[in-house]
Amino acid sequence: MDAEMWHHQATEVTVVAPQLVPADDLDTMNPMGRSSYADSVRAALRAQRVSSPMHDATAAAIDRALESALLEPPGARTILALSAPYTAGKSTLIKSWAQDRYRTWAKATRSTKPRWTPRPGVTADLVPVCYLTLLSESRSKDLYTQILSFVGYPASGVERTLALRAVKALQTHGVRLVILDDAHMLRSTSVTGRATLHAVKHLNTELGEVGGVLVLVGAELTGGDVLSDPQIRGRLSEHTLAPYEVDTATGRAQWQRLLKNCEDLLLPYLPHEEPGLFSSRHAGYLWRRTQGYVGDTTRLLIDATAVAIETGAPLDRAILDPIWVSQRAQDAQIDQTRSKTARRAAAVTAPR
């Protein structure tokens, strides 16, 4: 990822969904037309981000924390962090959120990359968001190298020189947000890991001096090396994200709201289906298939909708069952079945 690719993604034109076909026209459409329509719907909707109440609430909370951090005086500022299980949608959320900030701050358009004048006589690319993905065993030197590479600078030299150039680049390009994704790669159990963690803290101080804020994103950061560091913890605004759960009334209501959002998006393409198809009739089944993970859920429902459009069949278990979900979801479903079988066996053999 670099600033040019980030700009391209943030300003990319959304794939336009095809015009809705009325029920009567859909019923009389030939198989080739149905197939083409289904493919267009699937391609357009898979490219969109479906509104998720839990993800939206987390993004709003991070927004408030960022607004507060930006009010702080120059120097080491509050560090924002987002922790979630693997594949729970943390990177998707933070990229979407950060691209919104980028478009607002840079007033970015597709046709031109934003420019600004950081000081009289100097014009530079405006890069308010710097998005970096940490590698396993990243060294402190690698962190500065990634910053320089993101803004298009050569990244060679000794670490001290790279650090000074990276800090200068943050100021020159108006960076207000540095996001370190996969921050769980940082480990304090080795000399290299501790040095990199110190570099992250140094980056936070220098970024704060030029008016920016640091965001750490990673899997299971809570209780890990990074967020347990006393210096980081003393400046931390921690946010978490989890799959939807259905063990409580509140959790079930949130899950149904997500499925209702999916209905609002998909049922217009299935004019013969009734409201409540996902949020009521299949709510339990869909959770068992996906365990509340948004990515699996939306992919399953969009692909099933495309099959229903193409075949003209009602969207029921006959369509849903064969649709692919991630191996994580399949493994969890197998575990659910085994647990259920074990409970039944225990009930049968229990003394009466």
Protein backbone atom coordinates (compact mmCIF):
# COMPACT_ATOMS: atom_id res chain seq x y z
CA MET A 1 0.00 0.00 0.00
CA ASP A 2 1.20 3.52 -0.79
CA ALA A 3 -0.39 6.96 -0.95
CA GLU A 4 -1.29 6.61 -4.62
CA MET A 5 -3.04 3.28 -4.12
CA TRP A 6 -4.78 4.63 -1.00
CA HIS A 7 -6.07 7.62 -2.98
CA HIS A 8 -7.26 5.30 -5.75
CA GLN A 9 -9.18 3.08 -3.31
CA ALA A 10 -10.66 6.00 -1.36
CA THR A 11 -11.98 7.72 -4.49
CA GLU A 12 -12.91 4.63 -6.50
CA VAL A 13 -16.33 4.84 -8.10
CA THR A 14 -18.73 2.36 -6.53
CA VAL A 15 -20.04 -0.34 -8.84
CA VAL A 16 -23.58 0.67 -9.72
CA ALA A 17 -26.20 -1.97 -9.03
CA PRO A 18 -28.43 -2.82 -12.00
CA GLN A 19 -31.88 -1.33 -12.21
CA LEU A 20 -34.51 -3.37 -10.40
CA VAL A 21 -36.55 -5.67 -12.62
CA PRO A 22 -40.30 -5.75 -11.77
CA ALA A 23 -41.77 -9.09 -10.73
CA ASP A 24 -43.74 -9.61 -13.96
CA ASP A 25 -40.71 -8.86 -16.13
CA LEU A 26 -38.52 -11.14 -14.02
CA ASP A 27 -41.03 -13.98 -14.38
CA THR A 28 -40.97 -13.74 -18.19
CA MET A 29 -37.20 -13.20 -18.53
CA ASN A 30 -35.37 -15.93 -20.46
CA PRO A 31 -32.64 -17.99 -18.74
CA MET A 32 -29.80 -16.04 -20.34
CA GLY A 33 -31.30 -12.75 -19.21
CA ARG A 34 -31.82 -14.08 -15.68
CA SER A 35 -28.23 -15.29 -15.51
CA SER A 36 -26.85 -11.96 -16.71
CA TYR A 37 -29.05 -10.04 -14.27
CA ALA A 38 -28.00 -12.30 -11.38
CA ASP A 39 -24.30 -11.86 -12.21
CA SER A 40 -24.68 -8.07 -12.32
CA VAL A 41 -26.48 -7.98 -8.97
CA ARG A 42 -23.89 -10.23 -7.35
CA ALA A 43 -20.92 -8.25 -8.67
CA ALA A 44 -22.37 -4.90 -7.60
CA LEU A 45 -23.48 -5.96 -4.13
CA ARG A 46 -20.34 -7.94 -3.26
CA ALA A 47 -18.37 -4.74 -3.92
CA GLN A 48 -20.44 -2.79 -1.38
CA ARG A 49 -20.12 -2.66 2.39
CA VAL A 50 -23.35 -3.77 4.07
CA SER A 51 -24.33 -1.63 7.05
CA SER A 52 -23.66 -3.49 10.30
CA PRO A 53 -25.04 -1.95 13.52
CA MET A 54 -22.13 -3.18 15.65
CA HIS A 55 -19.50 -2.04 13.16
CA ASP A 56 -21.23 1.32 12.70
CA ALA A 57 -21.35 1.86 16.47
CA THR A 58 -17.66 1.02 16.80
CA ALA A 59 -16.75 3.40 13.96
CA ALA A 60 -18.75 6.17 15.65
CA ALA A 61 -16.94 5.54 18.94
CA ILE A 62 -13.55 5.70 17.20
CA ASP A 63 -14.67 8.93 15.53
CA ARG A 64 -15.41 10.49 18.91
CA ALA A 65 -12.07 9.33 20.29
CA LEU A 66 -10.24 10.78 17.28
CA GLU A 67 -12.04 14.10 17.63
CA SER A 68 -10.97 14.25 21.28
CA ALA A 69 -7.36 13.28 20.52
CA LEU A 70 -7.05 15.95 17.84
CA LEU A 71 -7.92 18.58 20.46
CA GLU A 72 -4.92 17.64 22.58
CA PRO A 73 -1.80 19.86 22.59
CA PRO A 74 1.28 18.93 20.53
CA GLY A 75 3.30 16.00 21.83
CA ALA A 76 2.47 12.42 22.73
CA ARG A 77 -1.28 12.12 22.20
CA THR A 78 -3.94 9.55 22.94
CA ILE A 79 -3.38 6.35 20.97
CA LEU A 80 -6.48 4.74 19.46
CA ALA A 81 -6.65 0.95 19.20
CA LEU A 82 -9.07 -1.51 17.62
CA SER A 83 -8.90 -5.14 18.70
CA ALA A 84 -11.01 -7.99 17.31
CA PRO A 85 -10.83 -11.72 16.55
CA TYR A 86 -9.39 -12.76 13.22
CA THR A 87 -11.79 -12.16 10.27
CA ALA A 88 -14.26 -10.18 12.41
CA GLY A 89 -14.00 -7.24 9.99
CA LYS A 90 -11.61 -4.94 11.86
CA SER A 91 -9.42 -4.07 8.85
CA THR A 92 -12.46 -3.58 6.62
CA LEU A 93 -14.00 -1.29 9.23
CA ILE A 94 -10.87 0.76 9.86
CA LYS A 95 -10.10 1.17 6.15
CA SER A 96 -13.64 2.33 5.39
CA TRP A 97 -13.54 4.70 8.37
CA ALA A 98 -10.11 6.07 7.47
CA GLN A 99 -11.05 6.54 3.82
CA ASP A 100 -14.00 8.67 4.96
CA ARG A 101 -11.55 10.79 6.96
CA TYR A 102 -9.24 11.00 3.95
CA ARG A 103 -11.99 12.21 1.62
CA THR A 104 -13.07 14.82 4.18
CA TRP A 105 -9.64 16.13 5.06
CA ALA A 106 -8.14 16.07 1.57
CA LYS A 107 -11.34 17.00 -0.29
CA ALA A 108 -10.16 14.24 -2.59
CA THR A 109 -11.60 13.59 -6.04
CA ARG A 110 -10.93 10.78 -8.47
CA SER A 111 -9.32 12.99 -11.11
CA THR A 112 -6.58 14.72 -9.11
CA LYS A 113 -4.43 13.84 -6.12
CA PRO A 114 -4.66 16.52 -3.43
CA ARG A 115 -1.78 19.01 -3.09
CA TRP A 116 -1.01 21.64 -0.49
CA THR A 117 1.60 24.18 0.57
CA PRO A 118 3.09 23.17 3.95
CA ARG A 119 5.28 26.29 3.99
CA PRO A 120 5.91 29.21 1.62
CA GLY A 121 7.53 28.14 -1.62
CA VAL A 122 6.96 24.41 -1.05
CA THR A 123 4.18 22.36 -2.67
CA ALA A 124 3.69 18.70 -1.79
CA ASP A 125 1.16 15.89 -2.03
CA LEU A 126 -1.38 16.09 0.79
CA VAL A 127 -1.48 12.67 2.48
CA PRO A 128 -3.60 13.05 5.64
CA VAL A 129 -3.85 9.28 6.18
CA CYS A 130 -0.90 6.88 6.24
CA TYR A 131 -1.99 3.23 6.32
CA LEU A 132 0.70 0.66 7.10
CA THR A 133 0.52 -3.11 7.57
CA LEU A 134 3.16 -4.48 9.91
CA LEU A 135 5.10 -7.59 8.98
CA SER A 136 6.10 -10.44 11.24
CA GLU A 137 9.20 -9.55 13.24
CA SER A 138 9.12 -5.97 11.94
CA ARG A 139 12.17 -4.00 13.05
CA SER A 140 12.10 -0.37 14.10
CA LYS A 141 13.94 0.47 10.87
CA ASP A 142 11.17 -1.26 8.90
CA LEU A 143 8.57 1.03 10.47
CA TYR A 144 10.32 4.18 9.28
CA THR A 145 10.96 2.57 5.89
CA GLN A 146 7.25 1.85 5.46
CA ILE A 147 6.31 5.45 6.24
CA LEU A 148 8.78 6.77 3.67
CA SER A 149 7.69 4.24 1.05
CA PHE A 150 4.02 5.11 1.60
CA VAL A 151 4.61 8.76 0.66
CA GLY A 152 6.92 7.81 -2.23
CA TYR A 153 10.34 8.54 -0.75
CA PRO A 154 13.45 6.38 -1.17
CA ALA A 155 14.01 4.36 1.97
CA SER A 156 17.69 3.57 2.38
CA GLY A 157 20.21 4.55 5.01
CA VAL A 158 20.89 4.02 8.68
CA GLU A 159 17.99 3.90 11.12
CA ARG A 160 18.56 7.31 12.69
CA THR A 161 18.53 8.98 9.27
CA LEU A 162 15.39 7.09 8.25
CA ALA A 163 13.66 8.12 11.48
CA LEU A 164 14.43 11.81 10.92
CA ARG A 165 13.30 11.66 7.30
CA ALA A 166 10.09 9.82 8.23
CA VAL A 167 9.19 12.43 10.84
CA LYS A 168 9.89 15.21 8.34
CA ALA A 169 7.71 13.45 5.75
CA LEU A 170 4.80 13.34 8.20
CA GLN A 171 4.97 17.11 8.50
CA THR A 172 5.59 17.84 4.82
CA HIS A 173 2.62 15.76 3.67
CA GLY A 174 0.15 16.86 6.34
CA VAL A 175 -0.29 13.41 7.87
CA ARG A 176 -2.99 13.51 10.56
CA LEU A 177 -3.58 9.79 10.98
CA VAL A 178 -1.08 6.92 10.97
CA ILE A 179 -2.71 3.49 11.09
CA LEU A 180 -0.62 0.44 11.98
CA ASP A 181 -2.62 -2.62 10.96
CA ASP A 182 -1.67 -6.12 12.11
CA ALA A 183 -0.20 -4.54 15.24
CA HIS A 184 -0.45 -7.95 16.92
CA MET A 185 2.75 -8.75 15.02
CA LEU A 186 4.61 -6.58 17.55
CA ARG A 187 6.22 -8.65 20.30
CA SER A 188 8.13 -7.44 23.34
CA THR A 189 9.66 -10.86 24.00
CA SER A 190 12.72 -10.19 21.82
CA VAL A 191 15.25 -7.39 21.55
CA THR A 192 13.98 -6.63 18.03
CA GLY A 193 10.37 -6.52 19.20
CA ARG A 194 11.12 -4.21 22.11
CA ALA A 195 13.05 -1.86 19.84
CA THR A 196 10.12 -1.74 17.41
CA LEU A 197 7.69 -1.05 20.25
CA HIS A 198 9.91 1.84 21.37
CA ALA A 199 9.85 3.11 17.77
CA VAL A 200 6.04 3.03 17.82
CA LYS A 201 6.03 5.14 20.98
CA HIS A 202 8.55 7.55 19.42
CA LEU A 203 6.34 7.75 16.33
CA ASN A 204 3.34 8.63 18.49
CA THR A 205 5.23 11.52 20.08
CA GLU A 206 6.57 12.89 16.80
CA LEU A 207 3.21 12.46 15.06
CA GLY A 208 1.54 14.36 17.88
CA GLU A 209 4.03 17.20 17.44
CA VAL A 210 2.74 17.76 13.89
CA GLY A 211 -0.93 17.39 14.84
CA GLY A 212 -1.51 13.71 14.11
CA VAL A 213 -2.91 10.66 15.90
CA LEU A 214 -1.72 7.03 15.93
CA VAL A 215 -4.15 4.11 15.50
CA LEU A 216 -3.23 0.49 16.27
CA VAL A 217 -5.32 -2.29 14.71
CA GLY A 218 -4.86 -5.99 15.26
CA ALA A 219 -6.20 -9.40 16.20
CA GLU A 220 -6.69 -10.01 19.90
CA LEU A 221 -4.65 -6.96 20.92
CA THR A 222 -6.42 -6.80 24.29
CA GLY A 223 -4.09 -8.19 26.94
CA GLY A 224 -1.25 -8.56 24.42
CA ASP A 225 2.27 -7.14 24.43
CA VAL A 226 1.45 -3.86 22.73
CA LEU A 227 -1.56 -2.69 24.71
CA SER A 228 -0.07 -3.96 27.98
CA ASP A 229 2.93 -1.65 27.67
CA PRO A 230 2.56 0.87 30.55
CA GLN A 231 3.47 3.88 28.42
CA ILE A 232 0.97 2.97 25.70
CA ARG A 233 -1.70 1.95 28.19
CA GLY A 234 -1.45 5.33 29.88
CA ARG A 235 -2.48 7.03 26.63
CA LEU A 236 -4.82 4.37 25.27
CA SER A 237 -8.36 4.65 23.94
CA GLU A 238 -9.18 1.00 23.28
CA HIS A 239 -12.07 -0.20 21.12
CA THR A 240 -13.16 -3.76 20.44
CA LEU A 241 -15.20 -5.57 17.83
CA ALA A 242 -16.67 -9.06 17.96
CA PRO A 243 -18.94 -11.29 15.88
CA TYR A 244 -22.65 -11.08 16.58
CA GLU A 245 -23.78 -13.39 19.38
CA VAL A 246 -27.24 -14.75 20.07
CA ASP A 247 -26.90 -15.85 23.69
CA THR A 248 -28.68 -12.76 25.02
CA ALA A 249 -31.79 -10.83 24.05
CA THR A 250 -29.64 -7.81 23.16
CA GLY A 251 -27.36 -9.93 21.01
CA ARG A 252 -30.28 -11.52 19.16
CA ALA A 253 -31.81 -8.09 18.52
CA GLN A 254 -28.52 -6.80 17.08
CA TRP A 255 -28.20 -9.90 14.90
CA GLN A 256 -31.71 -9.41 13.58
CA ARG A 257 -30.97 -5.75 12.82
CA LEU A 258 -28.00 -6.82 10.70
CA LEU A 259 -30.19 -9.33 8.85
CA LYS A 260 -32.87 -6.66 8.39
CA ASN A 261 -30.23 -4.44 6.75
CA CYS A 262 -29.43 -7.34 4.44
CA GLU A 263 -33.12 -7.68 3.60
CA ASP A 264 -33.36 -3.99 2.77
CA LEU A 265 -30.45 -4.42 0.37
CA LEU A 266 -31.39 -7.75 -1.22
CA LEU A 267 -35.15 -8.30 -1.16
CA PRO A 268 -35.88 -5.61 -3.79
CA TYR A 269 -34.17 -8.01 -6.23
CA LEU A 270 -36.45 -10.84 -5.07
CA PRO A 271 -39.93 -9.31 -5.49
CA HIS A 272 -41.74 -12.53 -4.56
CA GLU A 273 -40.05 -12.84 -1.15
CA GLU A 274 -41.63 -11.43 2.01
CA PRO A 275 -40.00 -9.21 4.67
CA GLY A 276 -38.56 -11.23 7.54
CA LEU A 277 -37.00 -13.82 5.22
CA PHE A 278 -33.57 -13.42 6.84
CA SER A 279 -34.28 -11.56 10.09
CA SER A 280 -37.04 -13.91 11.24
CA ARG A 281 -37.48 -17.09 9.21
CA HIS A 282 -33.79 -17.97 8.77
CA ALA A 283 -32.17 -15.98 11.60
CA GLY A 284 -31.13 -19.01 13.66
CA TYR A 285 -29.98 -21.01 10.66
CA LEU A 286 -27.87 -18.12 9.35
CA TRP A 287 -26.15 -17.69 12.70
CA ARG A 288 -25.31 -21.39 12.84
CA ARG A 289 -23.81 -21.18 9.35
CA THR A 290 -21.75 -18.04 10.02
CA GLN A 291 -21.46 -17.75 13.84
CA GLY A 292 -22.29 -14.06 13.50
CA TYR A 293 -19.31 -13.06 11.33
CA VAL A 294 -20.42 -10.26 9.03
CA GLY A 295 -18.21 -11.20 6.07
CA ASP A 296 -19.51 -14.77 5.92
CA THR A 297 -23.09 -13.60 6.45
CA THR A 298 -23.19 -10.99 3.70
CA ARG A 299 -21.36 -13.21 1.21
CA LEU A 300 -23.74 -16.10 1.91
CA LEU A 301 -26.87 -13.95 1.47
CA ILE A 302 -25.68 -12.10 -1.63
CA ASP A 303 -24.61 -15.30 -3.37
CA ALA A 304 -27.88 -16.99 -2.41
CA THR A 305 -29.83 -14.03 -3.78
CA ALA A 306 -27.98 -14.35 -7.09
CA VAL A 307 -28.85 -18.06 -7.28
CA ALA A 308 -32.52 -17.32 -6.52
CA ILE A 309 -32.62 -14.67 -9.26
CA GLU A 310 -31.02 -17.00 -11.79
CA THR A 311 -33.15 -20.06 -11.04
CA GLY A 312 -36.42 -18.37 -10.13
CA ALA A 313 -36.65 -20.65 -7.09
CA PRO A 314 -37.63 -19.37 -3.64
CA LEU A 315 -34.68 -18.48 -1.44
CA ASP A 316 -34.80 -21.29 1.11
CA ARG A 317 -32.51 -23.91 2.60
CA ALA A 318 -32.27 -25.69 -0.74
CA ILE A 319 -30.44 -22.63 -2.08
CA LEU A 320 -28.65 -21.61 1.12
CA ASP A 321 -27.16 -24.99 2.09
CA PRO A 322 -24.76 -25.39 -0.87
CA ILE A 323 -23.49 -21.79 -0.76
CA TRP A 324 -19.83 -21.61 0.24
CA VAL A 325 -18.75 -20.03 3.52
CA SER A 326 -15.23 -19.75 4.91
CA GLN A 327 -13.43 -22.77 6.27
CA ARG A 328 -13.53 -21.11 9.71
CA ALA A 329 -17.34 -21.09 9.53
CA GLN A 330 -17.45 -24.69 8.29
CA ASP A 331 -15.16 -25.85 11.10
CA ALA A 332 -17.29 -24.07 13.70
CA GLN A 333 -20.46 -25.64 12.30
CA ILE A 334 -18.87 -29.09 12.55
CA ASP A 335 -17.95 -28.35 16.18
CA GLN A 336 -21.55 -27.28 16.85
CA THR A 337 -22.84 -30.57 15.42
CA ARG A 338 -20.37 -32.62 17.46
CA SER A 339 -21.30 -30.79 20.66
CA LYS A 340 -25.00 -31.30 19.98
CA THR A 341 -24.44 -35.02 19.29
CA ALA A 342 -22.40 -35.38 22.48
CA ARG A 343 -25.12 -33.73 24.55
CA ARG A 344 -27.75 -36.04 23.08
CA ALA A 345 -25.58 -39.08 23.78
CA ALA A 346 -25.01 -37.94 27.35
CA ALA A 347 -28.75 -37.47 27.84
CA VAL A 348 -29.48 -40.97 26.54
CA THR A 349 -26.87 -42.67 28.75
CA ALA A 350 -27.58 -40.63 31.88
CA PRO A 351 -29.03 -42.71 34.76
CA ARG A 352 -32.74 -42.29 35.29
